[in-house]
Amino acid sequence: MNPKRLMRWLTLASAPVLLAFCGATGLAFAVNKPKVVSTSADFTVGHGQLTIVGENLPSAPNVKLGGTVLDVLSNSSTEIVASLQAVAGIQNLPGDYELAISQGNGGSDTFVVTVGAAGPAGPRSTRSQG
């Protein structure tokens, strides 16, 4: 086989392998995408801590709340604990905040976290006290 024909054959033969690798890599990323199951804030510890419970959480996470970077105190694939010191006073500003979790400088996955009381007020009691 002449060298030009061999190179053309190798190029064509390697294309499906490259496509299969890219497809498998994309599939693995989709399967391993972080999933937040719950969040809770504890304001009795220091400036407060945010605990994020989930699945496939990054091994070296970057965590942002409302666009502000939080210090990560501990993490595993199922739990991240971050300090709320960078957003001190947030407990007095109830509302929905965007929570972004990323690995290094890569893309982030975003979720909505509600801080403080949420939802409409319940009905007032009509029973008399006494």
C-alpha atoms as a PDB file:
ATOM      1  CA  MET A   1       0.000   0.000   0.000  1.00  0.00           C
ATOM      2  CA  ASN A   2       1.453   3.395  -0.906  1.00  0.00           C
ATOM      3  CA  PRO A   3       2.077   5.870   1.966  1.00  0.00           C
ATOM      4  CA  LYS A   4      -0.596   8.420   0.889  1.00  0.00           C
ATOM      5  CA  ARG A   5      -3.272   5.750   0.658  1.00  0.00           C
ATOM      6  CA  LEU A   6      -2.204   4.314   4.043  1.00  0.00           C
ATOM      7  CA  MET A   7      -2.475   7.766   5.696  1.00  0.00           C
ATOM      8  CA  ARG A   8      -5.947   8.314   4.189  1.00  0.00           C
ATOM      9  CA  TRP A   9      -7.044   4.885   5.434  1.00  0.00           C
ATOM     10  CA  LEU A  10      -5.662   5.553   8.970  1.00  0.00           C
ATOM     11  CA  THR A  11      -7.392   8.939   9.081  1.00  0.00           C
ATOM     12  CA  LEU A  12     -10.741   7.477   8.067  1.00  0.00           C
ATOM     13  CA  ALA A  13     -10.314   4.500  10.399  1.00  0.00           C
ATOM     14  CA  SER A  14      -9.511   6.717  13.394  1.00  0.00           C
ATOM     15  CA  ALA A  15     -12.516   9.054  12.919  1.00  0.00           C
ATOM     16  CA  PRO A  16     -15.107   6.628  14.396  1.00  0.00           C
ATOM     17  CA  VAL A  17     -12.808   5.995  17.368  1.00  0.00           C
ATOM     18  CA  LEU A  18     -12.488   9.734  18.007  1.00  0.00           C
ATOM     19  CA  LEU A  19     -16.255  10.220  17.665  1.00  0.00           C
ATOM     20  CA  ALA A  20     -16.898   7.295  20.004  1.00  0.00           C
ATOM     21  CA  PHE A  21     -14.458   8.743  22.552  1.00  0.00           C
ATOM     22  CA  CYS A  22     -16.045  12.199  22.371  1.00  0.00           C
ATOM     23  CA  GLY A  23     -19.518  10.704  22.661  1.00  0.00           C
ATOM     24  CA  ALA A  24     -18.517   8.561  25.643  1.00  0.00           C
ATOM     25  CA  THR A  25     -16.852  11.538  27.322  1.00  0.00           C
ATOM     26  CA  GLY A  26     -19.995  13.653  26.852  1.00  0.00           C
ATOM     27  CA  LEU A  27     -22.166  10.833  28.148  1.00  0.00           C
ATOM     28  CA  ALA A  28     -19.934  10.354  31.193  1.00  0.00           C
ATOM     29  CA  PHE A  29     -20.160  14.095  31.916  1.00  0.00           C
ATOM     30  CA  ALA A  30     -23.957  14.016  31.688  1.00  0.00           C
ATOM     31  CA  VAL A  31     -24.149  10.963  33.963  1.00  0.00           C
ATOM     32  CA  ASN A  32     -21.753  12.522  36.506  1.00  0.00           C
ATOM     33  CA  LYS A  33     -23.389  15.952  36.553  1.00  0.00           C
ATOM     34  CA  PRO A  34     -23.760  17.265  40.102  1.00  0.00           C
ATOM     35  CA  LYS A  35     -27.217  16.965  41.599  1.00  0.00           C
ATOM     36  CA  VAL A  36     -28.163  19.020  44.650  1.00  0.00           C
ATOM     37  CA  VAL A  37     -30.660  17.196  46.862  1.00  0.00           C
ATOM     38  CA  SER A  38     -30.928  19.723  49.697  1.00  0.00           C
ATOM     39  CA  THR A  39     -29.320  22.764  51.256  1.00  0.00           C
ATOM     40  CA  SER A  40     -29.457  24.097  54.783  1.00  0.00           C
ATOM     41  CA  ALA A  41     -27.975  27.099  56.510  1.00  0.00           C
ATOM     42  CA  ASP A  42     -26.797  27.119  60.112  1.00  0.00           C
ATOM     43  CA  PHE A  43     -26.320  30.619  61.507  1.00  0.00           C
ATOM     44  CA  THR A  44     -25.377  29.411  65.013  1.00  0.00           C
ATOM     45  CA  VAL A  45     -21.806  28.608  63.871  1.00  0.00           C
ATOM     46  CA  GLY A  46     -19.476  31.591  63.355  1.00  0.00           C
ATOM     47  CA  HIS A  47     -20.818  33.726  60.479  1.00  0.00           C
ATOM     48  CA  GLY A  48     -22.955  30.800  59.342  1.00  0.00           C
ATOM     49  CA  GLN A  49     -22.440  27.725  57.231  1.00  0.00           C
ATOM     50  CA  LEU A  50     -24.209  26.406  54.162  1.00  0.00           C
ATOM     51  CA  THR A  51     -24.448  22.623  53.866  1.00  0.00           C
ATOM     52  CA  ILE A  52     -25.119  21.269  50.383  1.00  0.00           C
ATOM     53  CA  VAL A  53     -26.142  17.617  50.122  1.00  0.00           C
ATOM     54  CA  GLY A  54     -26.170  15.921  46.753  1.00  0.00           C
ATOM     55  CA  GLU A  55     -24.692  13.420  44.372  1.00  0.00           C
ATOM     56  CA  ASN A  56     -21.576  13.607  42.179  1.00  0.00           C
ATOM     57  CA  LEU A  57     -20.425  16.866  43.789  1.00  0.00           C
ATOM     58  CA  PRO A  58     -16.991  18.090  42.563  1.00  0.00           C
ATOM     59  CA  SER A  59     -13.835  16.957  44.362  1.00  0.00           C
ATOM     60  CA  ALA A  60     -12.438  20.507  44.524  1.00  0.00           C
ATOM     61  CA  PRO A  61     -15.558  22.688  44.342  1.00  0.00           C
ATOM     62  CA  ASN A  62     -15.908  26.401  43.820  1.00  0.00           C
ATOM     63  CA  VAL A  63     -19.132  27.595  45.440  1.00  0.00           C
ATOM     64  CA  LYS A  64     -20.866  30.914  44.768  1.00  0.00           C
ATOM     65  CA  LEU A  65     -24.030  32.194  46.411  1.00  0.00           C
ATOM     66  CA  GLY A  66     -25.663  35.124  44.648  1.00  0.00           C
ATOM     67  CA  GLY A  67     -22.417  35.598  42.689  1.00  0.00           C
ATOM     68  CA  THR A  68     -20.241  35.787  45.830  1.00  0.00           C
ATOM     69  CA  VAL A  69     -17.516  33.171  46.261  1.00  0.00           C
ATOM     70  CA  LEU A  70     -17.833  31.161  49.496  1.00  0.00           C
ATOM     71  CA  ASP A  71     -14.942  29.491  51.345  1.00  0.00           C
ATOM     72  CA  VAL A  72     -15.354  25.710  51.238  1.00  0.00           C
ATOM     73  CA  LEU A  73     -14.759  24.253  54.705  1.00  0.00           C
ATOM     74  CA  SER A  74     -15.160  20.579  53.780  1.00  0.00           C
ATOM     75  CA  ASN A  75     -16.363  18.531  50.858  1.00  0.00           C
ATOM     76  CA  SER A  76     -17.012  15.052  49.545  1.00  0.00           C
ATOM     77  CA  SER A  77     -18.907  13.649  46.572  1.00  0.00           C
ATOM     78  CA  THR A  78     -22.132  13.849  48.625  1.00  0.00           C
ATOM     79  CA  GLU A  79     -21.699  16.954  50.830  1.00  0.00           C
ATOM     80  CA  ILE A  80     -20.141  20.416  50.704  1.00  0.00           C
ATOM     81  CA  VAL A  81     -19.942  22.707  53.739  1.00  0.00           C
ATOM     82  CA  ALA A  82     -19.186  26.355  52.925  1.00  0.00           C
ATOM     83  CA  SER A  83     -18.742  29.410  55.141  1.00  0.00           C
ATOM     84  CA  LEU A  84     -21.295  32.202  54.800  1.00  0.00           C
ATOM     85  CA  GLN A  85     -18.835  34.815  56.107  1.00  0.00           C
ATOM     86  CA  ALA A  86     -18.499  36.382  52.630  1.00  0.00           C
ATOM     87  CA  VAL A  87     -22.262  37.043  52.619  1.00  0.00           C
ATOM     88  CA  ALA A  88     -22.552  38.054  56.288  1.00  0.00           C
ATOM     89  CA  GLY A  89     -26.030  39.284  57.144  1.00  0.00           C
ATOM     90  CA  ILE A  90     -27.739  37.228  54.448  1.00  0.00           C
ATOM     91  CA  GLN A  91     -30.030  35.734  57.089  1.00  0.00           C
ATOM     92  CA  ASN A  92     -31.612  39.200  57.342  1.00  0.00           C
ATOM     93  CA  LEU A  93     -32.210  39.359  53.579  1.00  0.00           C
ATOM     94  CA  PRO A  94     -34.662  36.518  52.830  1.00  0.00           C
ATOM     95  CA  GLY A  95     -35.135  35.542  49.227  1.00  0.00           C
ATOM     96  CA  ASP A  96     -34.014  33.285  46.411  1.00  0.00           C
ATOM     97  CA  TYR A  97     -30.301  33.214  45.585  1.00  0.00           C
ATOM     98  CA  GLU A  98     -28.443  31.481  42.785  1.00  0.00           C
ATOM     99  CA  LEU A  99     -26.093  28.758  44.042  1.00  0.00           C
ATOM    100  CA  ALA A 100     -23.337  27.867  41.562  1.00  0.00           C
ATOM    101  CA  ILE A 101     -21.061  24.869  42.023  1.00  0.00           C
ATOM    102  CA  SER A 102     -18.102  24.278  39.704  1.00  0.00           C
ATOM    103  CA  GLN A 103     -14.892  22.277  39.511  1.00  0.00           C
ATOM    104  CA  GLY A 104     -11.875  24.541  39.014  1.00  0.00           C
ATOM    105  CA  ASN A 105     -12.372  27.054  36.220  1.00  0.00           C
ATOM    106  CA  GLY A 106     -14.853  24.822  34.388  1.00  0.00           C
ATOM    107  CA  GLY A 107     -18.504  25.503  33.792  1.00  0.00           C
ATOM    108  CA  SER A 108     -20.819  25.636  36.750  1.00  0.00           C
ATOM    109  CA  ASP A 109     -24.107  24.019  37.609  1.00  0.00           C
ATOM    110  CA  THR A 110     -26.611  26.422  39.120  1.00  0.00           C
ATOM    111  CA  PHE A 111     -29.430  25.906  41.548  1.00  0.00           C
ATOM    112  CA  VAL A 112     -31.807  28.180  43.468  1.00  0.00           C
ATOM    113  CA  VAL A 113     -31.489  28.413  47.244  1.00  0.00           C
ATOM    114  CA  THR A 114     -34.100  30.136  49.372  1.00  0.00           C
ATOM    115  CA  VAL A 115     -32.784  31.920  52.457  1.00  0.00           C
ATOM    116  CA  GLY A 116     -35.189  32.801  55.256  1.00  0.00           C
ATOM    117  CA  ALA A 117     -38.924  32.407  55.375  1.00  0.00           C
ATOM    118  CA  ALA A 118     -40.539  31.797  52.018  1.00  0.00           C
ATOM    119  CA  GLY A 119     -44.047  31.554  50.714  1.00  0.00           C
ATOM    120  CA  PRO A 120     -47.233  33.374  51.582  1.00  0.00           C
ATOM    121  CA  ALA A 121     -48.285  33.862  55.172  1.00  0.00           C
ATOM    122  CA  GLY A 122     -50.701  31.289  56.510  1.00  0.00           C
ATOM    123  CA  PRO A 123     -54.238  32.195  57.591  1.00  0.00           C
ATOM    124  CA  ARG A 124     -54.710  33.913  60.922  1.00  0.00           C
ATOM    125  CA  SER A 125     -56.510  31.960  63.568  1.00  0.00           C
ATOM    126  CA  THR A 126     -60.129  33.005  64.128  1.00  0.00           C
ATOM    127  CA  ARG A 127     -60.362  31.124  67.419  1.00  0.00           C
ATOM    128  CA  SER A 128     -60.613  33.270  70.488  1.00  0.00           C
ATOM    129  CA  GLN A 129     -57.845  33.070  73.008  1.00  0.00           C
ATOM    130  CA  GLY A 130     -58.915  32.290  76.485  1.00  0.00           C
END
